[in-house]
């Protein structure tokens, strides 16, 4: 696993934790929707990064 992917996962976890904490404080469902949005966003970034790394690896 590359440094970039590891960093993206750390950033995703941090943002999800922040949204969950906000939810537990306010009980506002919007924060749970944020968790889904954040997860989808970072999953897509990780997939793109993995694709690019594999593409570079295969052409090297």
Protein backbone atom coordinates (compact mmCIF):
# COMPACT_ATOMS: atom_id res chain seq x y z
CA UNK A 1 0.00 0.00 0.00
CA UNK A 2 1.37 3.33 -1.00
CA UNK A 3 1.91 6.32 1.22
CA UNK A 4 -0.76 8.27 -0.67
CA UNK A 5 -3.43 5.61 -0.12
CA UNK A 6 -2.51 5.28 3.52
CA UNK A 7 -2.79 9.05 3.94
CA UNK A 8 -6.18 9.13 2.20
CA UNK A 9 -7.45 6.43 4.55
CA UNK A 10 -6.21 8.38 7.57
CA UNK A 11 -7.92 11.53 6.34
CA UNK A 12 -11.16 9.63 5.71
CA UNK A 13 -11.10 8.11 9.19
CA UNK A 14 -10.48 11.50 10.79
CA UNK A 15 -13.37 13.15 8.94
CA UNK A 16 -15.74 10.29 9.70
CA UNK A 17 -14.81 10.43 13.37
CA UNK A 18 -15.50 14.16 13.40
CA UNK A 19 -18.92 13.67 11.79
CA UNK A 20 -19.84 10.89 14.20
CA UNK A 21 -18.84 13.03 17.16
CA UNK A 22 -21.02 15.82 15.80
CA UNK A 23 -23.89 13.39 15.43
CA UNK A 24 -23.58 12.12 19.00
CA UNK A 25 -23.54 15.70 20.28
CA UNK A 26 -26.48 16.97 18.24
CA UNK A 27 -28.40 13.84 17.16
CA UNK A 28 -28.80 15.56 13.80
CA UNK A 29 -29.20 12.95 11.05
CA UNK A 30 -27.37 15.20 8.61
CA UNK A 31 -24.08 14.18 10.21
CA UNK A 32 -24.78 10.53 9.43
CA UNK A 33 -25.38 11.51 5.82
CA UNK A 34 -21.99 13.22 5.93
CA UNK A 35 -20.38 9.93 6.95
CA UNK A 36 -21.78 8.28 3.84
CA UNK A 37 -20.70 11.19 1.63
CA UNK A 38 -17.17 11.23 3.11
CA UNK A 39 -16.79 7.49 2.76
CA UNK A 40 -17.89 7.54 -0.88
CA UNK A 41 -15.63 10.48 -1.69
CA UNK A 42 -12.51 8.93 -0.19
CA UNK A 43 -13.28 5.47 -1.58
CA UNK A 44 -13.36 6.98 -5.05
CA UNK A 45 -10.07 8.79 -4.47
CA UNK A 46 -8.45 5.58 -3.23
CA UNK A 47 -9.73 3.66 -6.26
CA UNK A 48 -8.39 6.30 -8.63
CA UNK A 49 -5.02 6.31 -6.89
CA UNK A 50 -4.81 2.52 -6.97
CA UNK A 51 -5.65 2.52 -10.67
CA UNK A 52 -2.97 5.12 -11.41
CA UNK A 53 -0.35 3.26 -9.38
CA UNK A 54 -1.14 0.00 -11.16
CA UNK A 55 -1.06 1.71 -14.53
CA UNK A 56 2.38 3.18 -13.82
CA UNK A 57 3.60 -0.14 -12.43
CA UNK A 58 2.43 -2.05 -15.52
CA UNK A 59 4.04 0.39 -17.93
CA UNK A 60 7.36 0.55 -16.10
